[in-house]
C-alpha atoms as a PDB file:
ATOM      1  CA  UNK A   1      -0.013   0.010   0.012  1.00  0.00           C
ATOM      2  CA  UNK A   2       1.206   3.536  -0.738  1.00  0.00           C
ATOM      3  CA  UNK A   3       0.562   4.893   2.759  1.00  0.00           C
ATOM      4  CA  UNK A   4       1.288   8.592   1.880  1.00  0.00           C
ATOM      5  CA  UNK A   5      -1.218   8.584  -0.954  1.00  0.00           C
ATOM      6  CA  UNK A   6      -3.777   6.752   1.222  1.00  0.00           C
ATOM      7  CA  UNK A   7      -3.129   9.354   4.031  1.00  0.00           C
ATOM      8  CA  UNK A   8      -3.669  12.314   1.724  1.00  0.00           C
ATOM      9  CA  UNK A   9      -6.892  10.697   0.335  1.00  0.00           C
ATOM     10  CA  UNK A  10      -8.165  10.186   3.876  1.00  0.00           C
ATOM     11  CA  UNK A  11      -7.663  13.826   4.663  1.00  0.00           C
ATOM     12  CA  UNK A  12      -9.206  15.122   1.486  1.00  0.00           C
ATOM     13  CA  UNK A  13     -11.968  12.728   0.919  1.00  0.00           C
ATOM     14  CA  UNK A  14     -13.080  11.869   4.515  1.00  0.00           C
ATOM     15  CA  UNK A  15     -11.884  14.449   6.947  1.00  0.00           C
ATOM     16  CA  UNK A  16     -12.191  17.807   5.205  1.00  0.00           C
ATOM     17  CA  UNK A  17     -15.783  17.079   3.994  1.00  0.00           C
ATOM     18  CA  UNK A  18     -16.615  16.588   7.726  1.00  0.00           C
ATOM     19  CA  UNK A  19     -15.729  20.169   8.470  1.00  0.00           C
ATOM     20  CA  UNK A  20     -12.288  19.448   9.947  1.00  0.00           C
ATOM     21  CA  UNK A  21     -10.753  22.577   8.465  1.00  0.00           C
ATOM     22  CA  UNK A  22      -8.056  23.956  10.905  1.00  0.00           C
ATOM     23  CA  UNK A  23      -4.664  23.771   9.231  1.00  0.00           C
ATOM     24  CA  UNK A  24      -3.048  22.695  12.504  1.00  0.00           C
ATOM     25  CA  UNK A  25      -5.329  19.654  12.647  1.00  0.00           C
ATOM     26  CA  UNK A  26      -4.887  18.805   8.998  1.00  0.00           C
ATOM     27  CA  UNK A  27      -1.100  19.110   9.326  1.00  0.00           C
ATOM     28  CA  UNK A  28      -1.039  16.876  12.321  1.00  0.00           C
ATOM     29  CA  UNK A  29      -3.136  14.279  10.434  1.00  0.00           C
ATOM     30  CA  UNK A  30      -0.607  14.326   7.699  1.00  0.00           C
ATOM     31  CA  UNK A  31       2.338  13.893  10.054  1.00  0.00           C
ATOM     32  CA  UNK A  32       1.098  11.271  12.484  1.00  0.00           C
ATOM     33  CA  UNK A  33       1.477   7.777  10.909  1.00  0.00           C
ATOM     34  CA  UNK A  34      -1.958   6.270  11.619  1.00  0.00           C
ATOM     35  CA  UNK A  35      -0.838   2.977  10.211  1.00  0.00           C
ATOM     36  CA  UNK A  36       1.717   2.636  13.012  1.00  0.00           C
ATOM     37  CA  UNK A  37      -1.110   2.636  15.610  1.00  0.00           C
ATOM     38  CA  UNK A  38      -3.277  -0.014  13.833  1.00  0.00           C
ATOM     39  CA  UNK A  39      -3.048  -3.669  14.768  1.00  0.00           C
ATOM     40  CA  UNK A  40      -0.893  -5.574  12.265  1.00  0.00           C
ATOM     41  CA  UNK A  41      -3.759  -7.715  10.942  1.00  0.00           C
ATOM     42  CA  UNK A  42      -5.713  -4.554  10.040  1.00  0.00           C
ATOM     43  CA  UNK A  43      -2.945  -2.441   8.367  1.00  0.00           C
ATOM     44  CA  UNK A  44      -4.860  -2.435   5.113  1.00  0.00           C
ATOM     45  CA  UNK A  45      -7.793  -0.645   6.891  1.00  0.00           C
ATOM     46  CA  UNK A  46      -5.595   2.063   8.388  1.00  0.00           C
ATOM     47  CA  UNK A  47      -7.178   4.864   6.319  1.00  0.00           C
ATOM     48  CA  UNK A  48     -10.660   3.330   5.680  1.00  0.00           C
ATOM     49  CA  UNK A  49     -13.806   4.986   6.944  1.00  0.00           C
ATOM     50  CA  UNK A  50     -14.467   2.275   9.525  1.00  0.00           C
ATOM     51  CA  UNK A  51     -13.975   1.467  13.195  1.00  0.00           C
ATOM     52  CA  UNK A  52     -11.085  -0.886  13.652  1.00  0.00           C
ATOM     53  CA  UNK A  53     -11.137  -3.566  16.451  1.00  0.00           C
ATOM     54  CA  UNK A  54      -8.140  -3.266  18.762  1.00  0.00           C
ATOM     55  CA  UNK A  55      -9.109  -5.961  21.248  1.00  0.00           C
ATOM     56  CA  UNK A  56     -11.377  -6.631  24.206  1.00  0.00           C
ATOM     57  CA  UNK A  57     -14.372  -4.826  22.564  1.00  0.00           C
ATOM     58  CA  UNK A  58     -12.483  -1.543  22.027  1.00  0.00           C
ATOM     59  CA  UNK A  59     -12.042   0.184  18.662  1.00  0.00           C
ATOM     60  CA  UNK A  60     -10.105   2.879  16.922  1.00  0.00           C
ATOM     61  CA  UNK A  61     -12.688   5.514  15.853  1.00  0.00           C
ATOM     62  CA  UNK A  62     -13.275   6.281  12.171  1.00  0.00           C
ATOM     63  CA  UNK A  63     -10.595   8.863  11.035  1.00  0.00           C
ATOM     64  CA  UNK A  64     -13.178  11.561  10.443  1.00  0.00           C
ATOM     65  CA  UNK A  65     -14.825  10.966  13.900  1.00  0.00           C
ATOM     66  CA  UNK A  66     -11.553  11.077  15.815  1.00  0.00           C
ATOM     67  CA  UNK A  67     -10.266  14.112  13.922  1.00  0.00           C
ATOM     68  CA  UNK A  68     -13.376  16.136  14.411  1.00  0.00           C
ATOM     69  CA  UNK A  69     -13.525  15.314  18.091  1.00  0.00           C
ATOM     70  CA  UNK A  70      -9.937  16.407  18.578  1.00  0.00           C
ATOM     71  CA  UNK A  71     -10.559  19.565  16.597  1.00  0.00           C
ATOM     72  CA  UNK A  72     -13.641  20.351  18.792  1.00  0.00           C
ATOM     73  CA  UNK A  73     -11.301  20.585  21.845  1.00  0.00           C
ATOM     74  CA  UNK A  74     -10.037  23.846  20.365  1.00  0.00           C
ATOM     75  CA  UNK A  75      -6.459  23.002  21.314  1.00  0.00           C
ATOM     76  CA  UNK A  76      -3.799  25.651  21.751  1.00  0.00           C
ATOM     77  CA  UNK A  77      -0.051  25.076  22.184  1.00  0.00           C
ATOM     78  CA  UNK A  78      -0.175  25.713  26.017  1.00  0.00           C
ATOM     79  CA  UNK A  79      -3.151  23.424  26.658  1.00  0.00           C
ATOM     80  CA  UNK A  80      -3.023  20.361  28.850  1.00  0.00           C
ATOM     81  CA  UNK A  81      -5.735  17.773  28.237  1.00  0.00           C
ATOM     82  CA  UNK A  82      -7.068  14.501  29.674  1.00  0.00           C
ATOM     83  CA  UNK A  83      -7.929  11.620  27.294  1.00  0.00           C
ATOM     84  CA  UNK A  84     -10.136   8.887  28.587  1.00  0.00           C
ATOM     85  CA  UNK A  85      -9.503   5.742  26.486  1.00  0.00           C
ATOM     86  CA  UNK A  86      -6.022   5.731  24.989  1.00  0.00           C
ATOM     87  CA  UNK A  87      -6.652   2.679  22.858  1.00  0.00           C
ATOM     88  CA  UNK A  88      -3.515   2.133  20.741  1.00  0.00           C
ATOM     89  CA  UNK A  89      -2.480   5.825  21.268  1.00  0.00           C
ATOM     90  CA  UNK A  90      -3.403   7.302  17.884  1.00  0.00           C
ATOM     91  CA  UNK A  91      -5.615  10.153  19.123  1.00  0.00           C
ATOM     92  CA  UNK A  92      -3.238  10.606  22.059  1.00  0.00           C
ATOM     93  CA  UNK A  93      -0.502  11.290  19.491  1.00  0.00           C
ATOM     94  CA  UNK A  94      -2.666  13.537  17.398  1.00  0.00           C
ATOM     95  CA  UNK A  95      -3.710  15.652  20.407  1.00  0.00           C
ATOM     96  CA  UNK A  96      -0.198  15.754  21.831  1.00  0.00           C
ATOM     97  CA  UNK A  97       1.125  17.095  18.526  1.00  0.00           C
ATOM     98  CA  UNK A  98      -1.271  20.098  19.056  1.00  0.00           C
ATOM     99  CA  UNK A  99      -0.911  20.923  22.750  1.00  0.00           C
ATOM    100  CA  UNK A 100       1.549  21.049  25.594  1.00  0.00           C
ATOM    101  CA  UNK A 101       0.677  17.715  27.317  1.00  0.00           C
ATOM    102  CA  UNK A 102      -1.819  14.889  27.233  1.00  0.00           C
ATOM    103  CA  UNK A 103      -2.577  12.599  30.188  1.00  0.00           C
ATOM    104  CA  UNK A 104      -4.273   9.514  28.846  1.00  0.00           C
ATOM    105  CA  UNK A 105      -6.030   6.846  30.823  1.00  0.00           C
ATOM    106  CA  UNK A 106      -6.536   3.310  29.534  1.00  0.00           C
ATOM    107  CA  UNK A 107      -8.134   0.539  31.629  1.00  0.00           C
ATOM    108  CA  UNK A 108      -6.776  -2.384  29.624  1.00  0.00           C
ATOM    109  CA  UNK A 109      -3.239  -3.100  30.617  1.00  0.00           C
ATOM    110  CA  UNK A 110      -2.208  -4.656  27.290  1.00  0.00           C
ATOM    111  CA  UNK A 111      -3.588  -1.672  25.313  1.00  0.00           C
ATOM    112  CA  UNK A 112      -1.947   0.786  27.689  1.00  0.00           C
ATOM    113  CA  UNK A 113       1.421  -0.977  27.247  1.00  0.00           C
ATOM    114  CA  UNK A 114       1.018  -0.995  23.479  1.00  0.00           C
ATOM    115  CA  UNK A 115      -0.009   2.650  23.402  1.00  0.00           C
ATOM    116  CA  UNK A 116       3.121   3.503  25.352  1.00  0.00           C
ATOM    117  CA  UNK A 117       5.259   1.645  22.819  1.00  0.00           C
ATOM    118  CA  UNK A 118       3.439   3.232  19.881  1.00  0.00           C
ATOM    119  CA  UNK A 119       3.833   6.754  21.282  1.00  0.00           C
ATOM    120  CA  UNK A 120       7.558   6.160  21.946  1.00  0.00           C
ATOM    121  CA  UNK A 121       8.091   4.886  18.350  1.00  0.00           C
ATOM    122  CA  UNK A 122       6.304   7.914  17.010  1.00  0.00           C
ATOM    123  CA  UNK A 123       8.532  10.251  19.027  1.00  0.00           C
ATOM    124  CA  UNK A 124       5.738  11.617  21.257  1.00  0.00           C
ATOM    125  CA  UNK A 125       7.286  12.823  24.450  1.00  0.00           C
ATOM    126  CA  UNK A 126       4.647  15.021  25.894  1.00  0.00           C
ATOM    127  CA  UNK A 127       2.055  12.313  26.711  1.00  0.00           C
ATOM    128  CA  UNK A 128       1.685  10.279  29.901  1.00  0.00           C
ATOM    129  CA  UNK A 129      -0.159   6.937  30.006  1.00  0.00           C
ATOM    130  CA  UNK A 130      -2.066   6.024  33.169  1.00  0.00           C
ATOM    131  CA  UNK A 131      -3.260   2.437  33.357  1.00  0.00           C
ATOM    132  CA  UNK A 132      -6.501   2.333  35.375  1.00  0.00           C
ATOM    133  CA  UNK A 133     -10.161   3.182  35.623  1.00  0.00           C
ATOM    134  CA  UNK A 134     -11.052   6.690  34.458  1.00  0.00           C
ATOM    135  CA  UNK A 135     -14.045   6.856  36.848  1.00  0.00           C
ATOM    136  CA  UNK A 136     -11.862   6.196  39.808  1.00  0.00           C
ATOM    137  CA  UNK A 137      -9.279   8.774  38.581  1.00  0.00           C
ATOM    138  CA  UNK A 138     -11.990  11.447  38.290  1.00  0.00           C
ATOM    139  CA  UNK A 139     -13.729  10.632  41.538  1.00  0.00           C
ATOM    140  CA  UNK A 140     -10.434  10.915  43.465  1.00  0.00           C
ATOM    141  CA  UNK A 141      -8.538  13.423  41.314  1.00  0.00           C
ATOM    142  CA  UNK A 142      -6.014  14.575  43.862  1.00  0.00           C
ATOM    143  CA  UNK A 143      -3.955  17.378  42.295  1.00  0.00           C
ATOM    144  CA  UNK A 144      -5.562  16.753  38.859  1.00  0.00           C
ATOM    145  CA  UNK A 145      -8.954  18.364  39.528  1.00  0.00           C
ATOM    146  CA  UNK A 146      -9.935  21.285  37.349  1.00  0.00           C
ATOM    147  CA  UNK A 147      -6.442  21.596  35.878  1.00  0.00           C
ATOM    148  CA  UNK A 148      -7.249  20.439  32.338  1.00  0.00           C
ATOM    149  CA  UNK A 149      -8.048  22.625  29.400  1.00  0.00           C
ATOM    150  CA  UNK A 150      -9.936  19.756  27.788  1.00  0.00           C
ATOM    151  CA  UNK A 151     -11.188  16.245  28.321  1.00  0.00           C
ATOM    152  CA  UNK A 152     -11.641  13.764  25.439  1.00  0.00           C
ATOM    153  CA  UNK A 153     -13.689  10.578  25.849  1.00  0.00           C
ATOM    154  CA  UNK A 154     -13.049   8.136  23.099  1.00  0.00           C
ATOM    155  CA  UNK A 155     -15.736   5.595  24.221  1.00  0.00           C
ATOM    156  CA  UNK A 156     -19.377   6.244  24.816  1.00  0.00           C
ATOM    157  CA  UNK A 157     -21.272   7.028  28.069  1.00  0.00           C
ATOM    158  CA  UNK A 158     -24.954   7.424  28.784  1.00  0.00           C
ATOM    159  CA  UNK A 159     -24.198  10.974  29.926  1.00  0.00           C
ATOM    160  CA  UNK A 160     -21.014  12.714  30.933  1.00  0.00           C
ATOM    161  CA  UNK A 161     -20.794  12.611  34.778  1.00  0.00           C
ATOM    162  CA  UNK A 162     -20.215  15.748  36.822  1.00  0.00           C
ATOM    163  CA  UNK A 163     -16.960  14.183  38.179  1.00  0.00           C
ATOM    164  CA  UNK A 164     -15.553  14.178  34.563  1.00  0.00           C
ATOM    165  CA  UNK A 165     -16.804  17.686  33.907  1.00  0.00           C
ATOM    166  CA  UNK A 166     -15.100  18.789  37.197  1.00  0.00           C
ATOM    167  CA  UNK A 167     -11.710  17.988  35.629  1.00  0.00           C
ATOM    168  CA  UNK A 168     -11.753  21.072  33.339  1.00  0.00           C
ATOM    169  CA  UNK A 169     -10.707  24.573  34.270  1.00  0.00           C
ATOM    170  CA  UNK A 170     -12.911  27.633  33.733  1.00  0.00           C
ATOM    171  CA  UNK A 171     -11.870  27.902  29.992  1.00  0.00           C
ATOM    172  CA  UNK A 172     -12.036  24.129  29.361  1.00  0.00           C
ATOM    173  CA  UNK A 173     -14.335  21.908  27.459  1.00  0.00           C
ATOM    174  CA  UNK A 174     -15.255  18.188  27.465  1.00  0.00           C
ATOM    175  CA  UNK A 175     -15.834  16.410  24.105  1.00  0.00           C
ATOM    176  CA  UNK A 176     -17.583  13.079  24.505  1.00  0.00           C
ATOM    177  CA  UNK A 177     -19.983  10.510  23.050  1.00  0.00           C
ATOM    178  CA  UNK A 178     -23.329  10.274  24.810  1.00  0.00           C
ATOM    179  CA  UNK A 179     -26.418   8.170  24.435  1.00  0.00           C
ATOM    180  CA  UNK A 180     -27.612   4.578  23.968  1.00  0.00           C
ATOM    181  CA  UNK A 181     -27.267   2.292  20.975  1.00  0.00           C
ATOM    182  CA  UNK A 182     -28.208   3.164  18.258  1.00  0.00           C
ATOM    183  CA  UNK A 183     -28.807   6.806  19.146  1.00  0.00           C
ATOM    184  CA  UNK A 184     -25.556   8.328  20.209  1.00  0.00           C
ATOM    185  CA  UNK A 185     -24.015  11.791  19.570  1.00  0.00           C
ATOM    186  CA  UNK A 186     -20.823  13.617  19.978  1.00  0.00           C
ATOM    187  CA  UNK A 187     -21.293  16.521  22.378  1.00  0.00           C
ATOM    188  CA  UNK A 188     -19.221  19.398  23.654  1.00  0.00           C
ATOM    189  CA  UNK A 189     -19.652  20.626  27.260  1.00  0.00           C
ATOM    190  CA  UNK A 190     -18.329  24.034  28.335  1.00  0.00           C
ATOM    191  CA  UNK A 191     -17.087  24.897  31.830  1.00  0.00           C
ATOM    192  CA  UNK A 192     -20.188  27.016  32.224  1.00  0.00           C
ATOM    193  CA  UNK A 193     -22.434  23.990  31.934  1.00  0.00           C
ATOM    194  CA  UNK A 194     -23.351  24.593  28.268  1.00  0.00           C
ATOM    195  CA  UNK A 195     -23.877  21.615  25.983  1.00  0.00           C
ATOM    196  CA  UNK A 196     -23.998  21.361  22.234  1.00  0.00           C
ATOM    197  CA  UNK A 197     -24.380  18.443  19.834  1.00  0.00           C
ATOM    198  CA  UNK A 198     -21.972  17.991  16.931  1.00  0.00           C
ATOM    199  CA  UNK A 199     -22.994  14.893  15.043  1.00  0.00           C
ATOM    200  CA  UNK A 200     -24.465  11.427  15.454  1.00  0.00           C
ATOM    201  CA  UNK A 201     -22.311   8.297  15.808  1.00  0.00           C
ATOM    202  CA  UNK A 202     -22.281   5.014  17.639  1.00  0.00           C
ATOM    203  CA  UNK A 203     -19.330   3.490  19.414  1.00  0.00           C
ATOM    204  CA  UNK A 204     -18.705   0.936  22.161  1.00  0.00           C
ATOM    205  CA  UNK A 205     -19.038   1.871  25.904  1.00  0.00           C
ATOM    206  CA  UNK A 206     -16.208   2.871  28.068  1.00  0.00           C
ATOM    207  CA  UNK A 207     -15.491   0.070  30.475  1.00  0.00           C
ATOM    208  CA  UNK A 208     -17.389   0.125  33.769  1.00  0.00           C
ATOM    209  CA  UNK A 209     -19.999   2.608  32.584  1.00  0.00           C
ATOM    210  CA  UNK A 210     -23.258   2.423  34.517  1.00  0.00           C
ATOM    211  CA  UNK A 211     -25.765   1.740  31.736  1.00  0.00           C
ATOM    212  CA  UNK A 212     -28.833   1.372  33.846  1.00  0.00           C
ATOM    213  CA  UNK A 213     -32.016   3.081  32.689  1.00  0.00           C
ATOM    214  CA  UNK A 214     -32.610   6.544  34.104  1.00  0.00           C
ATOM    215  CA  UNK A 215     -36.056   5.513  35.254  1.00  0.00           C
ATOM    216  CA  UNK A 216     -37.236   2.210  36.570  1.00  0.00           C
ATOM    217  CA  UNK A 217     -40.956   1.459  36.431  1.00  0.00           C
END
């Protein structure tokens, strides 16, 4: 496969049409080698408009979905963000190339270890992997509370909890996937409590999400 041509086609045919238009994001998409973060058996799908299985029910998001979610964070060079769900580290690398630092939590120890290897191979030095449960991390944030300029959730939740929203500072925002199958949407929360919907999608749950109905009759 001609990876460079495939990467360029991904950007021009999938990502730009989805209103990912900031040059810093497009440049980062051109520089980060997505194929290096894809499991070996799926290399030929590296630039396809599909979710890619990465093990234990987790997936890499479609390129256009991941790119638009990262762009929705509104990253600036001084920003520090929290990513929930590192997966193989691709969006970690993309975000890290656009901001000062990424703290990324991954509950699966094998994926966390692989993400660390992938990020090192890609030369990403401003990202820290935390292997553990994101909900425990946010409920007991220690020195982390309200220090992040953005939080990115790469798996779905029924609704973004207040403990996660508490992780952002007064200028920050949370980009997440909310809802129940098949009706999910990517949403952006502001520090002022505002909420807006960007687009519909459907992705697997974050591990340990409480998926009980809101009302029991």
